[in-house]
Amino acid sequence: MADDKGAKPAAPAGHDPIVLIIGALLAITLIANLFGGKGKNQEPQKTAPAAPQQQAVVEQQATYEQSCGLFVSSPEPLQKVSGGALLLEGMVGSCEWIPTGSIGLYAQLIDSAGNLVSNYIAVRAEGGPGTPNAPILGTARPFSTHITLTGVPKTKTGFLILVNPDTTRATTKTVRIPVRFQ
């Protein structure tokens, strides 16, 4: 044994290197699972609600400043759709809601089951480019239209979905306003 100068010394009994490595990995995994890898300032993860986007709808339909460029004066949240049409009025014109030419936004009515109850329509913003009273870029432009029901709602509630006409952004800005059907 004195002649074996290049031989590695044998590991002490019960300390096989592979067993030590596996033990260390298990210990690290256990610690990571216990603490979740979260720092003190991170918020806990939340699970998605059963019906996404239906919980915070009222907060999304807000004032012109809160929606950053969109103000809807009609309909009010949970307003009844009567007479087969819904009046949509407001102002659009800055931040994330800049009209594209004469189009201020797009709108559509759906019931709460997701069934379409109106056509997807382009809502014109008044005073677009090329008109006698064209506003400067970034100023609010009024819009007003009636959205006609083309289908029968299968639920008593639904949403008016408003969509930003700007297609140059990576994501499309939308607002959902809850409505009631008769």
Protein backbone atom coordinates (compact mmCIF):
# COMPACT_ATOMS: atom_id res chain seq x y z
CA MET A 1 0.00 0.00 0.00
CA ALA A 2 2.92 2.29 0.53
CA ASP A 3 3.77 1.84 -3.18
CA ASP A 4 0.40 3.29 -4.39
CA LYS A 5 1.30 7.00 -4.57
CA GLY A 6 -1.31 7.90 -7.24
CA ALA A 7 -4.24 6.05 -5.70
CA LYS A 8 -7.02 8.04 -4.07
CA PRO A 9 -7.69 7.38 -0.43
CA ALA A 10 -10.91 5.50 0.15
CA ALA A 11 -13.84 7.48 1.55
CA PRO A 12 -14.63 6.70 5.14
CA ALA A 13 -17.37 4.13 5.57
CA GLY A 14 -20.84 5.64 5.04
CA HIS A 15 -19.57 8.80 3.28
CA ASP A 16 -19.82 7.89 -0.40
CA PRO A 17 -19.45 11.14 -2.49
CA ILE A 18 -22.62 10.45 -4.49
CA VAL A 19 -24.63 10.06 -1.30
CA LEU A 20 -23.24 13.37 -0.01
CA ILE A 21 -24.16 15.17 -3.25
CA ILE A 22 -27.68 13.76 -3.27
CA GLY A 23 -28.11 14.70 0.39
CA ALA A 24 -26.96 18.26 -0.30
CA LEU A 25 -29.38 18.60 -3.24
CA LEU A 26 -32.26 17.29 -1.15
CA ALA A 27 -31.43 19.74 1.64
CA ILE A 28 -31.34 22.67 -0.82
CA THR A 29 -34.65 21.58 -2.37
CA LEU A 30 -36.27 21.28 1.06
CA ILE A 31 -35.10 24.75 2.09
CA ALA A 32 -36.24 26.27 -1.21
CA ASN A 33 -39.70 24.70 -0.81
CA LEU A 34 -40.05 25.85 2.78
CA PHE A 35 -39.23 29.46 1.99
CA GLY A 36 -40.55 29.49 -1.56
CA GLY A 37 -37.58 31.50 -2.74
CA LYS A 38 -39.39 34.74 -1.86
CA GLY A 39 -37.84 37.84 -0.37
CA LYS A 40 -39.48 39.86 2.36
CA ASN A 41 -40.81 42.50 -0.06
CA GLN A 42 -42.44 40.18 -2.58
CA GLU A 43 -46.19 39.68 -2.64
CA PRO A 44 -47.52 36.15 -2.38
CA GLN A 45 -48.79 34.66 -5.61
CA LYS A 46 -52.54 34.67 -6.05
CA THR A 47 -54.55 32.10 -7.92
CA ALA A 48 -56.70 33.31 -10.78
CA PRO A 49 -60.39 33.81 -9.97
CA ALA A 50 -62.88 31.39 -11.49
CA ALA A 51 -64.26 34.07 -13.82
CA PRO A 52 -61.31 36.33 -14.77
CA GLN A 53 -61.90 40.03 -15.45
CA GLN A 54 -65.37 39.97 -13.93
CA GLN A 55 -64.18 40.87 -10.44
CA ALA A 56 -62.50 44.24 -11.07
CA VAL A 57 -64.72 45.51 -13.86
CA VAL A 58 -66.22 48.42 -11.95
CA GLU A 59 -62.76 49.78 -11.11
CA GLN A 60 -61.78 49.70 -14.79
CA GLN A 61 -64.70 51.86 -15.87
CA ALA A 62 -63.69 55.04 -14.18
CA THR A 63 -62.87 58.63 -14.86
CA TYR A 64 -60.93 60.01 -17.80
CA GLU A 65 -57.76 60.29 -15.69
CA GLN A 66 -58.02 56.78 -14.20
CA SER A 67 -58.46 55.23 -17.64
CA CYS A 68 -55.70 57.51 -18.97
CA GLY A 69 -57.39 58.94 -22.02
CA LEU A 70 -60.90 57.47 -21.86
CA PHE A 71 -63.95 58.90 -20.14
CA VAL A 72 -67.31 57.17 -20.50
CA SER A 73 -70.31 59.24 -19.42
CA SER A 74 -72.85 56.67 -20.64
CA PRO A 75 -73.58 53.91 -19.78
CA GLU A 76 -73.12 53.88 -16.04
CA PRO A 77 -71.96 50.56 -14.54
CA LEU A 78 -74.88 48.08 -14.32
CA GLN A 79 -77.15 50.32 -16.40
CA LYS A 80 -80.06 48.49 -18.09
CA VAL A 81 -79.93 47.96 -21.83
CA SER A 82 -83.44 48.92 -22.93
CA GLY A 83 -85.21 49.36 -26.23
CA GLY A 84 -82.79 47.06 -28.03
CA ALA A 85 -79.90 49.54 -27.93
CA LEU A 86 -77.38 51.09 -25.55
CA LEU A 87 -76.18 54.69 -25.69
CA LEU A 88 -72.38 55.00 -25.56
CA GLU A 89 -71.02 58.51 -24.96
CA GLY A 90 -67.82 60.00 -23.66
CA MET A 91 -64.43 61.46 -24.52
CA VAL A 92 -61.26 59.87 -25.88
CA GLY A 93 -57.93 61.35 -26.79
CA SER A 94 -54.74 60.81 -24.81
CA CYS A 95 -52.43 58.33 -23.10
CA GLU A 96 -53.51 54.81 -24.03
CA TRP A 97 -56.69 55.91 -25.83
CA ILE A 98 -55.61 57.95 -28.85
CA PRO A 99 -58.03 57.85 -31.79
CA THR A 100 -56.78 56.41 -35.06
CA GLY A 101 -58.02 58.78 -37.73
CA SER A 102 -61.73 59.18 -37.14
CA ILE A 103 -62.03 55.98 -35.03
CA GLY A 104 -62.08 56.71 -31.31
CA LEU A 105 -62.53 53.13 -30.13
CA TYR A 106 -64.27 49.85 -30.89
CA ALA A 107 -67.21 48.52 -28.88
CA GLN A 108 -69.22 45.32 -28.46
CA LEU A 109 -71.82 43.95 -26.05
CA ILE A 110 -71.60 40.42 -24.64
CA ASP A 111 -73.62 38.59 -21.99
CA SER A 112 -71.85 37.29 -18.89
CA ALA A 113 -71.58 33.83 -20.48
CA GLY A 114 -69.47 35.37 -23.27
CA ASN A 115 -72.15 35.23 -25.97
CA LEU A 116 -72.05 38.10 -28.48
CA VAL A 117 -75.20 40.22 -28.37
CA SER A 118 -74.08 43.07 -30.67
CA ASN A 119 -71.80 43.59 -33.60
CA TYR A 120 -68.22 44.74 -33.07
CA ILE A 121 -68.47 48.38 -34.15
CA ALA A 122 -66.08 51.24 -34.78
CA VAL A 123 -67.07 54.29 -32.74
CA ARG A 124 -66.22 57.57 -34.45
CA ALA A 125 -64.59 60.35 -32.47
CA GLU A 126 -65.80 63.78 -33.55
CA GLY A 127 -63.40 66.32 -35.02
CA GLY A 128 -60.90 63.93 -36.54
CA PRO A 129 -57.99 64.87 -38.79
CA GLY A 130 -59.02 66.83 -41.86
CA THR A 131 -62.19 68.24 -40.30
CA PRO A 132 -62.69 71.99 -39.88
CA ASN A 133 -62.39 71.84 -36.09
CA ALA A 134 -59.72 69.12 -35.83
CA PRO A 135 -58.20 69.13 -32.34
CA ILE A 136 -54.49 69.01 -31.73
CA LEU A 137 -52.97 65.62 -30.92
CA GLY A 138 -53.55 64.52 -27.32
CA THR A 139 -56.73 66.51 -26.73
CA ALA A 140 -60.01 64.86 -25.84
CA ARG A 141 -62.50 64.20 -28.62
CA PRO A 142 -66.17 63.40 -27.92
CA PHE A 143 -67.89 60.27 -29.18
CA SER A 144 -71.53 59.20 -29.18
CA THR A 145 -73.28 56.21 -30.72
CA HIS A 146 -76.02 53.66 -30.12
CA ILE A 147 -75.01 50.00 -29.93
CA THR A 148 -77.87 47.89 -31.25
CA LEU A 149 -78.53 44.41 -29.90
CA THR A 150 -78.21 41.82 -32.66
CA GLY A 151 -78.59 38.75 -30.47
CA VAL A 152 -80.61 37.66 -27.46
CA PRO A 153 -78.69 37.69 -24.16
CA LYS A 154 -78.76 34.34 -22.38
CA THR A 155 -77.96 35.93 -19.00
CA LYS A 156 -79.35 38.93 -17.12
CA THR A 157 -75.98 40.69 -17.01
CA GLY A 158 -73.15 41.29 -19.41
CA PHE A 159 -70.43 43.69 -20.45
CA LEU A 160 -69.84 46.53 -22.84
CA ILE A 161 -66.30 45.93 -24.07
CA LEU A 162 -64.36 48.97 -25.29
CA VAL A 163 -61.17 48.41 -27.29
CA ASN A 164 -58.41 50.89 -28.08
CA PRO A 165 -58.00 51.41 -31.84
CA ASP A 166 -54.21 51.79 -31.62
CA THR A 167 -52.70 48.63 -33.13
CA THR A 168 -49.08 49.78 -32.81
CA ARG A 169 -48.81 48.75 -29.16
CA ALA A 170 -47.72 45.30 -27.99
CA THR A 171 -50.94 44.83 -26.02
CA THR A 172 -54.46 46.07 -26.70
CA LYS A 173 -56.04 48.22 -24.00
CA THR A 174 -59.62 47.24 -23.15
CA VAL A 175 -62.22 48.32 -20.63
CA ARG A 176 -65.26 46.30 -19.58
CA ILE A 177 -68.34 48.06 -18.26
CA PRO A 178 -70.94 45.81 -16.57
CA VAL A 179 -74.51 46.17 -17.91
CA ARG A 180 -77.88 44.59 -17.19
CA PHE A 181 -80.29 43.19 -19.78
CA GLN A 182 -84.09 43.31 -19.38
